[in-house]
Amino acid sequence: MDFSVESLETPALTKAQLADLLFEQIGLNKRESKDMIDAFFDLVSGSLVEGVDVKISGFGNFQIRTKAPRPGRNPRTGEAIPIQARRVVTFHASHKLKEQIQDDAKPMASV
């Protein structure tokens, strides 16, 4: 099944646009489409909150990383301020996604 997002007006792909694509291209009703998108993102974010990595085959990995506390500074005043330890989400694209991005970039580079 081929999905097209060429009709998007903004450069960002939103949850509402994903739900519309499910509605238009798969035939789910709008409520089911919205519920499916919400359930997917709830599952991904819930897993990350629990510290479980999320791997989407052919797309990439979302991982939780704990950053240690470190010294920092206010760029406006130069004042030293401590940066607290925190957890952050990182994303690593799969080789397939990287190849698709590179393959799509090649024709544009030769123009």
PDB file of N, CA and C in Angstrom:
ATOM      1  N   MET A   1       0.853  -1.182   0.000  1.00  0.00           N
ATOM      2  CA  MET A   1       0.000   0.000   0.000  1.00  0.00           C
ATOM      3  C   MET A   1       0.891   1.235   0.000  1.00  0.00           C
ATOM      4  N   ASP A   2       0.640   2.185  -0.875  1.00  0.00           N
ATOM      5  CA  ASP A   2       1.451   3.381  -1.033  1.00  0.00           C
ATOM      6  C   ASP A   2       0.796   4.552  -0.311  1.00  0.00           C
ATOM      7  N   PHE A   3       1.564   5.202   0.553  1.00  0.00           N
ATOM      8  CA  PHE A   3       1.064   6.356   1.278  1.00  0.00           C
ATOM      9  C   PHE A   3       1.699   7.609   0.727  1.00  0.00           C
ATOM     10  N   SER A   4       0.933   8.634   0.538  1.00  0.00           N
ATOM     11  CA  SER A   4       1.443   9.883   0.007  1.00  0.00           C
ATOM     12  C   SER A   4       1.145  11.009   0.977  1.00  0.00           C
ATOM     13  N   VAL A   5       2.165  11.810   1.265  1.00  0.00           N
ATOM     14  CA  VAL A   5       1.980  12.969   2.130  1.00  0.00           C
ATOM     15  C   VAL A   5       2.325  14.248   1.380  1.00  0.00           C
ATOM     16  N   GLU A   6       2.276  14.201   0.040  1.00  0.00           N
ATOM     17  CA  GLU A   6       2.619  15.355  -0.777  1.00  0.00           C
ATOM     18  C   GLU A   6       1.644  16.502  -0.611  1.00  0.00           C
ATOM     19  N   SER A   7       0.422  16.213  -0.187  1.00  0.00           N
ATOM     20  CA  SER A   7      -0.596  17.256  -0.076  1.00  0.00           C
ATOM     21  C   SER A   7      -0.484  18.049   1.220  1.00  0.00           C
ATOM     22  N   LEU A   8       0.506  17.735   2.043  1.00  0.00           N
ATOM     23  CA  LEU A   8       0.634  18.434   3.315  1.00  0.00           C
ATOM     24  C   LEU A   8       1.015  19.893   3.090  1.00  0.00           C
ATOM     25  N   GLU A   9       0.376  20.789   3.830  1.00  0.00           N
ATOM     26  CA  GLU A   9       0.626  22.216   3.670  1.00  0.00           C
ATOM     27  C   GLU A   9       1.819  22.688   4.490  1.00  0.00           C
ATOM     28  N   THR A  10       2.121  22.021   5.587  1.00  0.00           N
ATOM     29  CA  THR A  10       3.221  22.428   6.445  1.00  0.00           C
ATOM     30  C   THR A  10       4.346  21.411   6.354  1.00  0.00           C
ATOM     31  N   PRO A  11       5.579  21.826   6.657  1.00  0.00           N
ATOM     32  CA  PRO A  11       6.696  20.898   6.577  1.00  0.00           C
ATOM     33  C   PRO A  11       6.688  19.853   7.697  1.00  0.00           C
ATOM     34  N   ALA A  12       5.885  20.043   8.720  1.00  0.00           N
ATOM     35  CA  ALA A  12       5.800  19.092   9.830  1.00  0.00           C
ATOM     36  C   ALA A  12       4.602  18.174   9.625  1.00  0.00           C
ATOM     37  N   LEU A  13       4.773  16.922   9.967  1.00  0.00           N
ATOM     38  CA  LEU A  13       3.682  15.953   9.884  1.00  0.00           C
ATOM     39  C   LEU A  13       3.053  15.836  11.270  1.00  0.00           C
ATOM     40  N   THR A  14       1.779  16.199  11.390  1.00  0.00           N
ATOM     41  CA  THR A  14       1.110  16.213  12.689  1.00  0.00           C
ATOM     42  C   THR A  14       0.286  14.949  12.896  1.00  0.00           C
ATOM     43  N   LYS A  15      -0.115  14.728  14.158  1.00  0.00           N
ATOM     44  CA  LYS A  15      -0.986  13.587  14.473  1.00  0.00           C
ATOM     45  C   LYS A  15      -2.313  13.703  13.724  1.00  0.00           C
ATOM     46  N   ALA A  16      -2.840  14.895  13.612  1.00  0.00           N
ATOM     47  CA  ALA A  16      -4.102  15.093  12.891  1.00  0.00           C
ATOM     48  C   ALA A  16      -3.936  14.738  11.417  1.00  0.00           C
ATOM     49  N   GLN A  17      -2.807  15.087  10.833  1.00  0.00           N
ATOM     50  CA  GLN A  17      -2.565  14.745   9.438  1.00  0.00           C
ATOM     51  C   GLN A  17      -2.395  13.241   9.262  1.00  0.00           C
ATOM     52  N   LEU A  18      -1.733  12.590  10.207  1.00  0.00           N
ATOM     53  CA  LEU A  18      -1.614  11.130  10.153  1.00  0.00           C
ATOM     54  C   LEU A  18      -2.995  10.476  10.213  1.00  0.00           C
ATOM     55  N   ALA A  19      -3.849  10.974  11.098  1.00  0.00           N
ATOM     56  CA  ALA A  19      -5.205  10.424  11.206  1.00  0.00           C
ATOM     57  C   ALA A  19      -5.972  10.643   9.906  1.00  0.00           C
ATOM     58  N   ASP A  20      -5.811  11.802   9.296  1.00  0.00           N
ATOM     59  CA  ASP A  20      -6.474  12.065   8.012  1.00  0.00           C
ATOM     60  C   ASP A  20      -5.978  11.119   6.925  1.00  0.00           C
ATOM     61  N   LEU A  21      -4.672  10.830   6.921  1.00  0.00           N
ATOM     62  CA  LEU A  21      -4.125   9.897   5.936  1.00  0.00           C
ATOM     63  C   LEU A  21      -4.690   8.495   6.123  1.00  0.00           C
ATOM     64  N   LEU A  22      -4.842   8.055   7.378  1.00  0.00           N
ATOM     65  CA  LEU A  22      -5.469   6.755   7.631  1.00  0.00           C
ATOM     66  C   LEU A  22      -6.905   6.749   7.129  1.00  0.00           C
ATOM     67  N   PHE A  23      -7.603   7.839   7.357  1.00  0.00           N
ATOM     68  CA  PHE A  23      -8.987   7.958   6.902  1.00  0.00           C
ATOM     69  C   PHE A  23      -9.072   7.897   5.375  1.00  0.00           C
ATOM     70  N   GLU A  24      -8.222   8.681   4.692  1.00  0.00           N
ATOM     71  CA  GLU A  24      -8.296   8.795   3.240  1.00  0.00           C
ATOM     72  C   GLU A  24      -7.751   7.564   2.520  1.00  0.00           C
ATOM     73  N   GLN A  25      -6.637   7.013   3.004  1.00  0.00           N
ATOM     74  CA  GLN A  25      -5.943   5.994   2.228  1.00  0.00           C
ATOM     75  C   GLN A  25      -6.231   4.565   2.666  1.00  0.00           C
ATOM     76  N   ILE A  26      -6.685   4.376   3.894  1.00  0.00           N
ATOM     77  CA  ILE A  26      -6.989   3.018   4.352  1.00  0.00           C
ATOM     78  C   ILE A  26      -8.483   2.798   4.478  1.00  0.00           C
ATOM     79  N   GLY A  27      -9.220   3.864   4.763  1.00  0.00           N
ATOM     80  CA  GLY A  27     -10.666   3.740   4.826  1.00  0.00           C
ATOM     81  C   GLY A  27     -11.221   3.643   6.232  1.00  0.00           C
ATOM     82  N   LEU A  28     -10.381   3.815   7.247  1.00  0.00           N
ATOM     83  CA  LEU A  28     -10.907   3.864   8.608  1.00  0.00           C
ATOM     84  C   LEU A  28     -11.745   5.122   8.756  1.00  0.00           C
ATOM     85  N   ASN A  29     -12.734   5.080   9.655  1.00  0.00           N
ATOM     86  CA  ASN A  29     -13.466   6.321   9.870  1.00  0.00           C
ATOM     87  C   ASN A  29     -12.583   7.269  10.687  1.00  0.00           C
ATOM     88  N   LYS A  30     -12.975   8.534  10.725  1.00  0.00           N
ATOM     89  CA  LYS A  30     -12.115   9.554  11.348  1.00  0.00           C
ATOM     90  C   LYS A  30     -11.866   9.276  12.834  1.00  0.00           C
ATOM     91  N   ARG A  31     -12.874   8.805  13.528  1.00  0.00           N
ATOM     92  CA  ARG A  31     -12.725   8.512  14.955  1.00  0.00           C
ATOM     93  C   ARG A  31     -11.739   7.366  15.166  1.00  0.00           C
ATOM     94  N   GLU A  32     -11.880   6.288  14.376  1.00  0.00           N
ATOM     95  CA  GLU A  32     -10.957   5.157  14.486  1.00  0.00           C
ATOM     96  C   GLU A  32      -9.525   5.585  14.138  1.00  0.00           C
ATOM     97  N   SER A  33      -9.388   6.420  13.135  1.00  0.00           N
ATOM     98  CA  SER A  33      -8.070   6.900  12.729  1.00  0.00           C
ATOM     99  C   SER A  33      -7.409   7.681  13.853  1.00  0.00           C
ATOM    100  N   LYS A  34      -8.168   8.597  14.445  1.00  0.00           N
ATOM    101  CA  LYS A  34      -7.630   9.403  15.548  1.00  0.00           C
ATOM    102  C   LYS A  34      -7.281   8.517  16.737  1.00  0.00           C
ATOM    103  N   ASP A  35      -8.163   7.577  17.067  1.00  0.00           N
ATOM    104  CA  ASP A  35      -7.912   6.678  18.197  1.00  0.00           C
ATOM    105  C   ASP A  35      -6.677   5.808  17.964  1.00  0.00           C
ATOM    106  N   MET A  36      -6.479   5.350  16.726  1.00  0.00           N
ATOM    107  CA  MET A  36      -5.325   4.507  16.418  1.00  0.00           C
ATOM    108  C   MET A  36      -4.022   5.301  16.559  1.00  0.00           C
ATOM    109  N   ILE A  37      -4.004   6.513  16.053  1.00  0.00           N
ATOM    110  CA  ILE A  37      -2.806   7.364  16.161  1.00  0.00           C
ATOM    111  C   ILE A  37      -2.528   7.681  17.631  1.00  0.00           C
ATOM    112  N   ASP A  38      -3.564   8.050  18.381  1.00  0.00           N
ATOM    113  CA  ASP A  38      -3.388   8.345  19.811  1.00  0.00           C
ATOM    114  C   ASP A  38      -2.886   7.121  20.568  1.00  0.00           C
ATOM    115  N   ALA A  39      -3.423   5.953  20.279  1.00  0.00           N
ATOM    116  CA  ALA A  39      -3.003   4.724  20.956  1.00  0.00           C
ATOM    117  C   ALA A  39      -1.538   4.416  20.647  1.00  0.00           C
ATOM    118  N   PHE A  40      -1.136   4.610  19.394  1.00  0.00           N
ATOM    119  CA  PHE A  40       0.257   4.364  19.016  1.00  0.00           C
ATOM    120  C   PHE A  40       1.204   5.269  19.800  1.00  0.00           C
ATOM    121  N   PHE A  41       0.919   6.568  19.819  1.00  0.00           N
ATOM    122  CA  PHE A  41       1.810   7.494  20.510  1.00  0.00           C
ATOM    123  C   PHE A  41       1.752   7.321  22.031  1.00  0.00           C
ATOM    124  N   ASP A  42       0.597   6.941  22.566  1.00  0.00           N
ATOM    125  CA  ASP A  42       0.506   6.644  24.001  1.00  0.00           C
ATOM    126  C   ASP A  42       1.382   5.441  24.349  1.00  0.00           C
ATOM    127  N   LEU A  43       1.365   4.436  23.500  1.00  0.00           N
ATOM    128  CA  LEU A  43       2.180   3.244  23.721  1.00  0.00           C
ATOM    129  C   LEU A  43       3.668   3.584  23.655  1.00  0.00           C
ATOM    130  N   VAL A  44       4.074   4.355  22.657  1.00  0.00           N
ATOM    131  CA  VAL A  44       5.483   4.736  22.513  1.00  0.00           C
ATOM    132  C   VAL A  44       5.928   5.586  23.699  1.00  0.00           C
ATOM    133  N   SER A  45       5.163   6.623  24.024  1.00  0.00           N
ATOM    134  CA  SER A  45       5.570   7.509  25.121  1.00  0.00           C
ATOM    135  C   SER A  45       5.516   6.796  26.470  1.00  0.00           C
ATOM    136  N   GLY A  46       4.525   5.935  26.671  1.00  0.00           N
ATOM    137  CA  GLY A  46       4.442   5.177  27.921  1.00  0.00           C
ATOM    138  C   GLY A  46       5.629   4.248  28.101  1.00  0.00           C
ATOM    139  N   SER A  47       6.039   3.599  27.031  1.00  0.00           N
ATOM    140  CA  SER A  47       7.211   2.728  27.095  1.00  0.00           C
ATOM    141  C   SER A  47       8.462   3.526  27.437  1.00  0.00           C
ATOM    142  N   LEU A  48       8.627   4.679  26.813  1.00  0.00           N
ATOM    143  CA  LEU A  48       9.807   5.503  27.084  1.00  0.00           C
ATOM    144  C   LEU A  48       9.813   6.017  28.522  1.00  0.00           C
ATOM    145  N   VAL A  49       8.660   6.415  29.038  1.00  0.00           N
ATOM    146  CA  VAL A  49       8.564   6.873  30.427  1.00  0.00           C
ATOM    147  C   VAL A  49       8.993   5.769  31.392  1.00  0.00           C
ATOM    148  N   GLU A  50       8.630   4.526  31.056  1.00  0.00           N
ATOM    149  CA  GLU A  50       9.002   3.383  31.891  1.00  0.00           C
ATOM    150  C   GLU A  50      10.461   2.979  31.708  1.00  0.00           C
ATOM    151  N   GLY A  51      11.168   3.623  30.779  1.00  0.00           N
ATOM    152  CA  GLY A  51      12.568   3.311  30.543  1.00  0.00           C
ATOM    153  C   GLY A  51      12.794   2.200  29.538  1.00  0.00           C
ATOM    154  N   VAL A  52      11.760   1.832  28.787  1.00  0.00           N
ATOM    155  CA  VAL A  52      11.864   0.767  27.795  1.00  0.00           C
ATOM    156  C   VAL A  52      12.150   1.400  26.426  1.00  0.00           C
ATOM    157  N   ASP A  53      13.203   0.945  25.744  1.00  0.00           N
ATOM    158  CA  ASP A  53      13.517   1.440  24.410  1.00  0.00           C
ATOM    159  C   ASP A  53      12.434   1.007  23.426  1.00  0.00           C
ATOM    160  N   VAL A  54      12.198   1.823  22.417  1.00  0.00           N
ATOM    161  CA  VAL A  54      11.210   1.528  21.390  1.00  0.00           C
ATOM    162  C   VAL A  54      11.944   1.372  20.061  1.00  0.00           C
ATOM    163  N   LYS A  55      11.783   0.200  19.443  1.00  0.00           N
ATOM    164  CA  LYS A  55      12.426  -0.081  18.163  1.00  0.00           C
ATOM    165  C   LYS A  55      11.345  -0.290  17.114  1.00  0.00           C
ATOM    166  N   ILE A  56      11.396   0.516  16.059  1.00  0.00           N
ATOM    167  CA  ILE A  56      10.449   0.407  14.966  1.00  0.00           C
ATOM    168  C   ILE A  56      11.242  -0.049  13.750  1.00  0.00           C
ATOM    169  N   SER A  57      11.023  -1.292  13.357  1.00  0.00           N
ATOM    170  CA  SER A  57      11.779  -1.900  12.271  1.00  0.00           C
ATOM    171  C   SER A  57      11.685  -1.069  10.997  1.00  0.00           C
ATOM    172  N   GLY A  58      12.833  -0.807  10.394  1.00  0.00           N
ATOM    173  CA  GLY A  58      12.873  -0.042   9.160  1.00  0.00           C
ATOM    174  C   GLY A  58      12.782   1.449   9.359  1.00  0.00           C
ATOM    175  N   PHE A  59      12.601   1.912  10.602  1.00  0.00           N
ATOM    176  CA  PHE A  59      12.491   3.340  10.875  1.00  0.00           C
ATOM    177  C   PHE A  59      13.598   3.805  11.811  1.00  0.00           C
ATOM    178  N   GLY A  60      13.657   3.212  13.036  1.00  0.00           N
ATOM    179  CA  GLY A  60      14.708   3.596  13.961  1.00  0.00           C
ATOM    180  C   GLY A  60      14.389   3.215  15.386  1.00  0.00           C
ATOM    181  N   ASN A  61      15.263   3.665  16.295  1.00  0.00           N
ATOM    182  CA  ASN A  61      15.147   3.357  17.718  1.00  0.00           C
ATOM    183  C   ASN A  61      15.027   4.638  18.530  1.00  0.00           C
ATOM    184  N   PHE A  62      14.087   4.625  19.463  1.00  0.00           N
ATOM    185  CA  PHE A  62      13.971   5.686  20.456  1.00  0.00           C
ATOM    186  C   PHE A  62      14.520   5.111  21.750  1.00  0.00           C
ATOM    187  N   GLN A  63      15.449   5.816  22.365  1.00  0.00           N
ATOM    188  CA  GLN A  63      16.070   5.317  23.591  1.00  0.00           C
ATOM    189  C   GLN A  63      16.062   6.403  24.656  1.00  0.00           C
ATOM    190  N   ILE A  64      15.985   5.960  25.906  1.00  0.00           N
ATOM    191  CA  ILE A  64      16.096   6.861  27.040  1.00  0.00           C
ATOM    192  C   ILE A  64      17.558   6.890  27.464  1.00  0.00           C
ATOM    193  N   ARG A  65      18.086   8.084  27.652  1.00  0.00           N
ATOM    194  CA  ARG A  65      19.468   8.236  28.097  1.00  0.00           C
ATOM    195  C   ARG A  65      19.470   9.130  29.326  1.00  0.00           C
ATOM    196  N   THR A  66      20.216   8.739  30.338  1.00  0.00           N
ATOM    197  CA  THR A  66      20.327   9.554  31.542  1.00  0.00           C
ATOM    198  C   THR A  66      21.574  10.411  31.434  1.00  0.00           C
ATOM    199  N   LYS A  67      21.383  11.716  31.479  1.00  0.00           N
ATOM    200  CA  LYS A  67      22.512  12.645  31.409  1.00  0.00           C
ATOM    201  C   LYS A  67      22.920  13.029  32.826  1.00  0.00           C
ATOM    202  N   ALA A  68      24.191  13.012  33.066  1.00  0.00           N
ATOM    203  CA  ALA A  68      24.732  13.337  34.392  1.00  0.00           C
ATOM    204  C   ALA A  68      24.643  14.841  34.637  1.00  0.00           C
ATOM    205  N   PRO A  69      24.638  15.238  35.913  1.00  0.00           N
ATOM    206  CA  PRO A  69      24.677  16.680  36.194  1.00  0.00           C
ATOM    207  C   PRO A  69      26.013  17.251  35.708  1.00  0.00           C
ATOM    208  N   ARG A  70      25.985  18.516  35.319  1.00  0.00           N
ATOM    209  CA  ARG A  70      27.218  19.126  34.822  1.00  0.00           C
ATOM    210  C   ARG A  70      27.174  20.625  35.052  1.00  0.00           C
ATOM    211  N   PRO A  71      28.336  21.239  35.045  1.00  0.00           N
ATOM    212  CA  PRO A  71      28.343  22.698  35.193  1.00  0.00           C
ATOM    213  C   PRO A  71      27.950  23.355  33.873  1.00  0.00           C
ATOM    214  N   GLY A  72      27.260  24.458  33.974  1.00  0.00           N
ATOM    215  CA  GLY A  72      26.858  25.211  32.791  1.00  0.00           C
ATOM    216  C   GLY A  72      26.992  26.691  33.089  1.00  0.00           C
ATOM    217  N   ARG A  73      26.596  27.509  32.124  1.00  0.00           N
ATOM    218  CA  ARG A  73      26.629  28.947  32.370  1.00  0.00           C
ATOM    219  C   ARG A  73      25.507  29.624  31.610  1.00  0.00           C
ATOM    220  N   ASN A  74      25.036  30.710  32.172  1.00  0.00           N
ATOM    221  CA  ASN A  74      24.022  31.527  31.531  1.00  0.00           C
ATOM    222  C   ASN A  74      24.718  32.294  30.403  1.00  0.00           C
ATOM    223  N   PRO A  75      24.320  32.090  29.154  1.00  0.00           N
ATOM    224  CA  PRO A  75      25.024  32.756  28.053  1.00  0.00           C
ATOM    225  C   PRO A  75      24.875  34.276  28.060  1.00  0.00           C
ATOM    226  N   ARG A  76      23.816  34.778  28.664  1.00  0.00           N
ATOM    227  CA  ARG A  76      23.604  36.221  28.695  1.00  0.00           C
ATOM    228  C   ARG A  76      24.500  36.894  29.738  1.00  0.00           C
ATOM    229  N   THR A  77      24.572  36.294  30.936  1.00  0.00           N
ATOM    230  CA  THR A  77      25.323  36.928  32.031  1.00  0.00           C
ATOM    231  C   THR A  77      26.682  36.296  32.274  1.00  0.00           C
ATOM    232  N   GLY A  78      26.890  35.093  31.763  1.00  0.00           N
ATOM    233  CA  GLY A  78      28.156  34.393  32.023  1.00  0.00           C
ATOM    234  C   GLY A  78      28.198  33.729  33.386  1.00  0.00           C
ATOM    235  N   GLU A  79      27.105  33.854  34.148  1.00  0.00           N
ATOM    236  CA  GLU A  79      27.036  33.280  35.489  1.00  0.00           C
ATOM    237  C   GLU A  79      27.036  31.749  35.414  1.00  0.00           C
ATOM    238  N   ALA A  80      27.843  31.121  36.278  1.00  0.00           N
ATOM    239  CA  ALA A  80      27.894  29.659  36.343  1.00  0.00           C
ATOM    240  C   ALA A  80      26.625  29.143  37.019  1.00  0.00           C
ATOM    241  N   ILE A  81      25.997  28.151  36.396  1.00  0.00           N
ATOM    242  CA  ILE A  81      24.806  27.538  36.977  1.00  0.00           C
ATOM    243  C   ILE A  81      24.920  26.024  36.812  1.00  0.00           C
ATOM    244  N   PRO A  82      24.491  25.275  37.810  1.00  0.00           N
ATOM    245  CA  PRO A  82      24.544  23.817  37.665  1.00  0.00           C
ATOM    246  C   PRO A  82      23.375  23.323  36.813  1.00  0.00           C
ATOM    247  N   ILE A  83      23.641  22.356  35.948  1.00  0.00           N
ATOM    248  CA  ILE A  83      22.599  21.717  35.151  1.00  0.00           C
ATOM    249  C   ILE A  83      22.308  20.380  35.807  1.00  0.00           C
ATOM    250  N   GLN A  84      21.059  20.170  36.189  1.00  0.00           N
ATOM    251  CA  GLN A  84      20.653  18.978  36.918  1.00  0.00           C
ATOM    252  C   GLN A  84      20.716  17.728  36.029  1.00  0.00           C
ATOM    253  N   ALA A  85      20.846  16.569  36.670  1.00  0.00           N
ATOM    254  CA  ALA A  85      20.767  15.299  35.944  1.00  0.00           C
ATOM    255  C   ALA A  85      19.359  15.172  35.372  1.00  0.00           C
ATOM    256  N   ARG A  86      19.255  14.572  34.202  1.00  0.00           N
ATOM    257  CA  ARG A  86      17.933  14.432  33.596  1.00  0.00           C
ATOM    258  C   ARG A  86      17.942  13.278  32.608  1.00  0.00           C
ATOM    259  N   ARG A  87      16.730  12.846  32.275  1.00  0.00           N
ATOM    260  CA  ARG A  87      16.573  11.791  31.270  1.00  0.00           C
ATOM    261  C   ARG A  87      16.133  12.445  29.979  1.00  0.00           C
ATOM    262  N   VAL A  88      16.714  12.004  28.870  1.00  0.00           N
ATOM    263  CA  VAL A  88      16.366  12.551  27.560  1.00  0.00           C
ATOM    264  C   VAL A  88      16.065  11.397  26.608  1.00  0.00           C
ATOM    265  N   VAL A  89      15.285  11.692  25.582  1.00  0.00           N
ATOM    266  CA  VAL A  89      14.988  10.712  24.537  1.00  0.00           C
ATOM    267  C   VAL A  89      15.927  10.975  23.365  1.00  0.00           C
ATOM    268  N   THR A  90      16.553   9.914  22.872  1.00  0.00           N
ATOM    269  CA  THR A  90      17.373  10.023  21.674  1.00  0.00           C
ATOM    270  C   THR A  90      16.744   9.169  20.583  1.00  0.00           C
ATOM    271  N   PHE A  91      16.987   9.555  19.342  1.00  0.00           N
ATOM    272  CA  PHE A  91      16.494   8.787  18.203  1.00  0.00           C
ATOM    273  C   PHE A  91      17.661   8.451  17.303  1.00  0.00           C
ATOM    274  N   HIS A  92      17.747   7.199  16.909  1.00  0.00           N
ATOM    275  CA  HIS A  92      18.756   6.750  15.957  1.00  0.00           C
ATOM    276  C   HIS A  92      18.022   6.129  14.775  1.00  0.00           C
ATOM    277  N   ALA A  93      18.204   6.721  13.608  1.00  0.00           N
ATOM    278  CA  ALA A  93      17.539   6.232  12.402  1.00  0.00           C
ATOM    279  C   ALA A  93      18.119   4.881  11.993  1.00  0.00           C
ATOM    280  N   SER A  94      17.272   4.018  11.449  1.00  0.00           N
ATOM    281  CA  SER A  94      17.727   2.721  10.959  1.00  0.00           C
ATOM    282  C   SER A  94      18.524   2.917   9.669  1.00  0.00           C
ATOM    283  N   HIS A  95      19.270   1.888   9.294  1.00  0.00           N
ATOM    284  CA  HIS A  95      20.035   1.942   8.050  1.00  0.00           C
ATOM    285  C   HIS A  95      19.106   2.103   6.850  1.00  0.00           C
ATOM    286  N   LYS A  96      17.938   1.452   6.897  1.00  0.00           N
ATOM    287  CA  LYS A  96      16.980   1.567   5.792  1.00  0.00           C
ATOM    288  C   LYS A  96      16.510   3.011   5.628  1.00  0.00           C
ATOM    289  N   LEU A  97      16.185   3.676   6.737  1.00  0.00           N
ATOM    290  CA  LEU A  97      15.727   5.058   6.677  1.00  0.00           C
ATOM    291  C   LEU A  97      16.850   5.961   6.173  1.00  0.00           C
ATOM    292  N   LYS A  98      18.067   5.746   6.672  1.00  0.00           N
ATOM    293  CA  LYS A  98      19.209   6.544   6.214  1.00  0.00           C
ATOM    294  C   LYS A  98      19.428   6.374   4.719  1.00  0.00           C
ATOM    295  N   GLU A  99      19.313   5.143   4.226  1.00  0.00           N
ATOM    296  CA  GLU A  99      19.486   4.887   2.787  1.00  0.00           C
ATOM    297  C   GLU A  99      18.402   5.586   1.974  1.00  0.00           C
ATOM    298  N   GLN A 100      17.148   5.540   2.458  1.00  0.00           N
ATOM    299  CA  GLN A 100      16.055   6.212   1.744  1.00  0.00           C
ATOM    300  C   GLN A 100      16.305   7.713   1.664  1.00  0.00           C
ATOM    301  N   ILE A 101      16.773   8.279   2.757  1.00  0.00           N
ATOM    302  CA  ILE A 101      17.036   9.722   2.787  1.00  0.00           C
ATOM    303  C   ILE A 101      18.164  10.063   1.819  1.00  0.00           C
ATOM    304  N   GLN A 102      19.213   9.259   1.806  1.00  0.00           N
ATOM    305  CA  GLN A 102      20.331   9.503   0.897  1.00  0.00           C
ATOM    306  C   GLN A 102      19.918   9.308  -0.557  1.00  0.00           C
ATOM    307  N   ASP A 103      19.134   8.276  -0.841  1.00  0.00           N
ATOM    308  CA  ASP A 103      18.692   8.018  -2.215  1.00  0.00           C
ATOM    309  C   ASP A 103      17.812   9.145  -2.731  1.00  0.00           C
ATOM    310  N   ASP A 104      16.953   9.691  -1.874  1.00  0.00           N
ATOM    311  CA  ASP A 104      16.100  10.801  -2.279  1.00  0.00           C
ATOM    312  C   ASP A 104      16.894  12.092  -2.471  1.00  0.00           C
ATOM    313  N   ALA A 105      18.030  12.235  -1.786  1.00  0.00           N
ATOM    314  CA  ALA A 105      18.837  13.449  -1.865  1.00  0.00           C
ATOM    315  C   ALA A 105      19.705  13.462  -3.120  1.00  0.00           C
ATOM    316  N   LYS A 106      20.052  12.309  -3.667  1.00  0.00           N
ATOM    317  CA  LYS A 106      20.960  12.247  -4.814  1.00  0.00           C
ATOM    318  C   LYS A 106      20.440  12.982  -6.037  1.00  0.00           C
ATOM    319  N   PRO A 107      19.185  12.787  -6.478  1.00  0.00           N
ATOM    320  CA  PRO A 107      18.724  13.517  -7.667  1.00  0.00           C
ATOM    321  C   PRO A 107      18.743  15.030  -7.475  1.00  0.00           C
ATOM    322  N   MET A 108      18.436  15.512  -6.281  1.00  0.00           N
ATOM    323  CA  MET A 108      18.426  16.946  -6.031  1.00  0.00           C
ATOM    324  C   MET A 108      19.817  17.528  -6.094  1.00  0.00           C
ATOM    325  N   ALA A 109      20.834  16.765  -5.662  1.00  0.00           N
ATOM    326  CA  ALA A 109      22.203  17.259  -5.656  1.00  0.00           C
ATOM    327  C   ALA A 109      22.733  17.426  -7.073  1.00  0.00           C
ATOM    328  N   SER A 110      22.233  16.650  -8.022  1.00  0.00           N
ATOM    329  CA  SER A 110      22.738  16.726  -9.389  1.00  0.00           C
ATOM    330  C   SER A 110      22.034  17.794 -10.223  1.00  0.00           C
ATOM    331  N   VAL A 111      20.982  18.392  -9.702  1.00  0.00           N
ATOM    332  CA  VAL A 111      20.222  19.414 -10.461  1.00  0.00           C
ATOM    333  C   VAL A 111      20.920  20.732 -10.400  1.00  0.00           C
TER     334      VAL A 111
END
